[in-house]
Amino acid sequence: MGNTILEAKNINKEFHDPITVQVLTDINFSVNKGDFVAITGKSGCGKSTLLYILSTMDTDYTGELHIDGEAMGNKKEAELARVRNEKIGFVFQFHYLLNEFSVIENVMLPGLKLNKFNRQEVEHRAMERLKMLDIGHLALKNANQVSGGEKQRVAIARALINDPFIIMGDEPTGNLDKKNSELVFDIFKRLAEEFNQTLLIVTHDQSFAQRTHRIIQMEDGKIIA
């Protein structure tokens, strides 16, 4: 395995409601350390469903999923929660920041939950991530006092707090204007190229996808390219 961060083998998924619909068919691919990969395809092609499986949030599928060489099948929910918190950073279309907390407290949350470092160390790490994304000056502001583009950068800092093996994004620029979309893209590119961070991003934004290292194109629940 060595360099392989994520591997999907023969992943199939069906919905039963009330008839059985095949949503994903024979999904096979792997992602290596430092890869910046986009998953694209029309709405309803199964890309978000796939991301939920790859992020271990959906366990109702057949096939194999390995993260950092570790098989995810047959794991109990508590073990999967540990993998998610320790090895995966999430960036969604909506930032899901807690308005009653400051920016730095929002970034600290997954670090405190992981319970690997004391509070002071988690705070220090959170500040480092904010500075890295040029938003250190916002640390003490309440989350509802910063702009939409800044909120998404705070969400990226939060995703980085536990040094995840892979960052997964679900339409992370879907809610942003062109300028902020560019900013977020540049951050991801820098994370991959300067920090060797692995990124797997679901997006329908073709100009975003074209500039990643690799595109996985989906149609009707299958990888077509």
Protein backbone atom coordinates (compact mmCIF):
# COMPACT_ATOMS: atom_id res chain seq x y z
CA MET A 1 0.00 0.00 0.00
CA GLY A 2 2.70 2.48 1.09
CA ASN A 3 1.55 5.65 -0.58
CA THR A 4 -2.14 4.81 -0.99
CA ILE A 5 -4.35 6.83 1.34
CA LEU A 6 -7.73 5.63 0.11
CA GLU A 7 -8.80 2.64 -1.93
CA ALA A 8 -12.30 1.70 -3.12
CA LYS A 9 -12.82 -1.82 -4.51
CA ASN A 10 -16.02 -2.95 -6.24
CA ILE A 11 -18.25 -0.61 -4.28
CA ASN A 12 -21.95 -1.06 -5.03
CA LYS A 13 -24.87 0.70 -3.41
CA GLU A 14 -28.62 0.24 -3.71
CA PHE A 15 -31.54 2.27 -2.38
CA HIS A 16 -34.74 0.38 -1.52
CA ASP A 17 -37.61 2.84 -1.49
CA PRO A 18 -39.89 0.98 -2.18
CA ILE A 19 -38.33 -0.48 -5.33
CA THR A 20 -34.63 -1.28 -5.52
CA VAL A 21 -32.51 1.26 -7.40
CA GLN A 22 -28.83 0.70 -8.12
CA VAL A 23 -27.09 3.97 -7.16
CA LEU A 24 -23.43 2.97 -7.47
CA THR A 25 -22.01 0.20 -9.66
CA ASP A 26 -18.52 -1.32 -9.36
CA ILE A 27 -16.64 1.72 -8.14
CA ASN A 28 -12.88 1.10 -8.21
CA PHE A 29 -10.15 3.69 -7.69
CA SER A 30 -7.41 4.71 -5.30
CA VAL A 31 -6.00 8.01 -4.09
CA ASN A 32 -2.33 8.47 -3.20
CA LYS A 33 -0.71 10.81 -0.72
CA GLY A 34 -0.61 14.39 -2.00
CA ASP A 35 -3.19 13.74 -4.75
CA PHE A 36 -5.70 16.51 -5.46
CA VAL A 37 -8.65 14.65 -7.00
CA ALA A 38 -12.02 15.97 -8.20
CA ILE A 39 -15.11 13.78 -8.55
CA THR A 40 -17.46 15.33 -11.11
CA GLY A 41 -20.68 14.49 -12.88
CA LYS A 42 -24.24 15.75 -13.30
CA SER A 43 -26.58 16.11 -10.34
CA GLY A 44 -27.90 12.73 -9.27
CA CYS A 45 -25.00 10.73 -10.75
CA GLY A 46 -24.08 9.35 -7.31
CA LYS A 47 -21.03 11.45 -6.46
CA SER A 48 -22.29 12.69 -3.08
CA THR A 49 -23.53 9.18 -2.21
CA LEU A 50 -20.05 7.90 -3.02
CA LEU A 51 -18.44 10.55 -0.82
CA TYR A 52 -20.66 9.52 2.11
CA ILE A 53 -19.45 5.94 1.72
CA LEU A 54 -15.78 6.96 1.35
CA SER A 55 -16.06 9.13 4.46
CA THR A 56 -17.45 6.10 6.41
CA MET A 57 -20.71 7.94 7.17
CA ASP A 58 -22.71 5.46 5.07
CA THR A 59 -21.92 1.80 5.80
CA ASP A 60 -24.78 0.25 3.81
CA TYR A 61 -22.91 -0.88 0.68
CA THR A 62 -21.04 -3.89 -0.72
CA GLY A 63 -17.37 -3.89 -1.66
CA GLU A 64 -14.25 -2.81 0.18
CA LEU A 65 -13.00 0.51 1.46
CA HIS A 66 -9.49 1.00 2.83
CA ILE A 67 -8.29 4.20 4.45
CA ASP A 68 -4.58 4.40 5.21
CA GLY A 69 -4.34 0.64 4.60
CA GLU A 70 -7.06 -0.13 7.14
CA ALA A 71 -10.24 -1.96 6.05
CA MET A 72 -13.39 -0.05 7.02
CA GLY A 73 -15.84 -2.95 6.62
CA ASN A 74 -17.25 -4.57 9.78
CA LYS A 75 -16.07 -1.75 12.02
CA LYS A 76 -18.33 -0.60 14.82
CA GLU A 77 -19.68 2.96 14.71
CA ALA A 78 -17.36 4.10 17.52
CA GLU A 79 -14.32 2.91 15.55
CA LEU A 80 -15.56 4.62 12.38
CA ALA A 81 -16.12 7.84 14.34
CA ARG A 82 -12.50 7.65 15.51
CA VAL A 83 -11.28 7.16 11.91
CA ARG A 84 -13.39 10.13 10.75
CA ASN A 85 -12.09 12.39 13.47
CA GLU A 86 -8.46 11.34 13.21
CA LYS A 87 -7.91 10.64 9.53
CA ILE A 88 -10.49 12.62 7.56
CA GLY A 89 -11.05 16.37 7.40
CA PHE A 90 -14.41 17.55 6.03
CA VAL A 91 -15.31 20.67 4.08
CA PHE A 92 -18.94 20.95 3.00
CA GLN A 93 -20.88 23.38 0.82
CA PHE A 94 -22.17 24.97 4.04
CA HIS A 95 -19.53 25.71 6.64
CA TYR A 96 -21.50 24.39 9.67
CA LEU A 97 -19.76 26.77 12.05
CA LEU A 98 -21.30 27.27 15.49
CA ASN A 99 -22.28 30.93 15.71
CA GLU A 100 -22.12 31.07 19.50
CA PHE A 101 -18.40 30.16 19.39
CA SER A 102 -15.46 32.24 18.24
CA VAL A 103 -13.59 31.38 15.06
CA ILE A 104 -10.71 29.74 16.96
CA GLU A 105 -13.10 27.72 19.15
CA ASN A 106 -14.80 26.38 16.01
CA VAL A 107 -11.43 25.29 14.61
CA MET A 108 -10.48 23.67 17.93
CA LEU A 109 -13.61 21.47 18.22
CA PRO A 110 -12.41 18.35 16.33
CA GLY A 111 -9.03 18.65 18.09
CA LEU A 112 -10.65 18.69 21.53
CA LYS A 113 -12.87 15.78 20.51
CA LEU A 114 -9.85 13.72 19.40
CA ASN A 115 -8.34 14.32 22.85
CA LYS A 116 -4.77 13.73 21.67
CA PHE A 117 -3.39 17.09 22.85
CA ASN A 118 -4.24 19.28 25.82
CA ARG A 119 -6.44 22.35 25.33
CA GLN A 120 -3.50 24.75 25.15
CA GLU A 121 -1.79 22.70 22.45
CA VAL A 122 -5.06 22.39 20.46
CA GLU A 123 -5.47 26.17 20.66
CA HIS A 124 -1.90 26.66 19.44
CA ARG A 125 -2.50 24.25 16.53
CA ALA A 126 -5.76 26.01 15.65
CA MET A 127 -3.99 29.37 15.55
CA GLU A 128 -1.27 27.92 13.29
CA ARG A 129 -3.93 26.70 10.83
CA LEU A 130 -5.71 30.06 10.83
CA LYS A 131 -2.44 31.90 10.17
CA MET A 132 -1.61 29.46 7.38
CA LEU A 133 -4.89 30.46 5.69
CA ASP A 134 -4.29 34.20 6.32
CA ILE A 135 -7.19 34.54 8.75
CA GLY A 136 -5.31 34.60 12.06
CA HIS A 137 -6.69 38.09 12.67
CA LEU A 138 -10.23 36.66 12.85
CA ALA A 139 -9.46 34.18 15.65
CA LEU A 140 -11.41 35.93 18.41
CA LYS A 141 -14.34 37.12 16.33
CA ASN A 142 -17.62 35.25 16.68
CA ALA A 143 -18.32 32.94 13.75
CA ASN A 144 -21.37 34.99 12.72
CA GLN A 145 -19.22 38.14 12.38
CA VAL A 146 -17.11 36.93 9.45
CA SER A 147 -18.01 36.87 5.74
CA GLY A 148 -19.11 33.80 3.74
CA GLY A 149 -15.72 33.35 2.12
CA GLU A 150 -13.97 33.72 5.48
CA LYS A 151 -16.32 31.16 7.04
CA GLN A 152 -15.32 28.63 4.40
CA ARG A 153 -11.64 29.26 5.18
CA VAL A 154 -12.41 28.75 8.89
CA ALA A 155 -14.07 25.44 7.91
CA ILE A 156 -10.89 24.43 6.04
CA ALA A 157 -8.75 25.31 9.09
CA ARG A 158 -11.09 23.16 11.20
CA ALA A 159 -10.71 20.29 8.70
CA LEU A 160 -6.91 20.55 9.08
CA ILE A 161 -6.73 20.64 12.89
CA ASN A 162 -6.06 16.90 13.38
CA ASP A 163 -3.58 16.59 10.46
CA PRO A 164 -5.96 14.32 8.53
CA PHE A 165 -4.69 11.79 5.99
CA ILE A 166 -7.29 13.08 3.54
CA ILE A 167 -9.57 16.09 3.20
CA MET A 168 -12.95 15.36 1.65
CA GLY A 169 -15.04 18.18 0.24
CA ASP A 170 -18.66 18.14 -0.90
CA GLU A 171 -19.16 21.10 -3.27
CA PRO A 172 -16.94 23.31 -1.06
CA THR A 173 -17.22 26.25 -3.48
CA GLY A 174 -20.91 25.66 -4.30
CA ASN A 175 -22.05 28.51 -2.09
CA LEU A 176 -19.32 31.03 -2.93
CA ASP A 177 -18.91 33.79 -5.49
CA LYS A 178 -16.17 33.59 -8.12
CA LYS A 179 -13.56 35.45 -6.08
CA ASN A 180 -14.00 33.30 -2.97
CA SER A 181 -14.20 30.12 -5.07
CA GLU A 182 -10.79 31.03 -6.50
CA LEU A 183 -9.43 31.63 -3.01
CA VAL A 184 -10.64 28.23 -1.81
CA PHE A 185 -9.22 26.52 -4.89
CA ASP A 186 -5.84 28.20 -4.33
CA ILE A 187 -5.83 27.04 -0.70
CA PHE A 188 -6.51 23.44 -1.74
CA LYS A 189 -3.83 23.58 -4.43
CA ARG A 190 -1.33 24.96 -1.93
CA LEU A 191 -2.24 22.28 0.63
CA ALA A 192 -1.58 19.56 -1.95
CA GLU A 193 1.57 21.02 -3.44
CA GLU A 194 3.29 22.59 -0.42
CA PHE A 195 2.04 20.38 2.40
CA ASN A 196 1.49 17.11 0.49
CA GLN A 197 -2.10 17.07 1.77
CA THR A 198 -4.41 14.57 0.04
CA LEU A 199 -7.70 16.04 -1.22
CA LEU A 200 -10.81 14.39 -2.65
CA ILE A 201 -13.37 16.98 -3.74
CA VAL A 202 -16.86 16.43 -5.16
CA THR A 203 -17.70 19.37 -7.43
CA HIS A 204 -19.89 20.26 -10.40
CA ASP A 205 -17.66 23.31 -11.07
CA GLN A 206 -15.80 22.27 -14.20
CA SER A 207 -13.22 25.08 -14.02
CA PHE A 208 -12.36 23.92 -10.48
CA ALA A 209 -12.13 20.27 -11.54
CA GLN A 210 -10.00 20.97 -14.64
CA ARG A 211 -7.21 22.42 -12.50
CA THR A 212 -6.94 19.56 -10.01
CA HIS A 213 -4.38 16.77 -10.50
CA ARG A 214 -6.96 14.23 -11.59
CA ILE A 215 -10.65 14.02 -12.43
CA ILE A 216 -12.90 11.04 -11.70
CA GLN A 217 -15.97 11.47 -13.89
CA MET A 218 -19.22 9.79 -12.93
CA GLU A 219 -22.42 9.09 -14.79
CA ASP A 220 -25.41 7.03 -13.61
CA GLY A 221 -23.53 5.65 -10.62
CA LYS A 222 -20.50 4.51 -12.59
CA ILE A 223 -17.02 5.90 -13.12
CA ILE A 224 -16.78 6.61 -16.84
CA ALA A 225 -13.38 8.32 -16.98
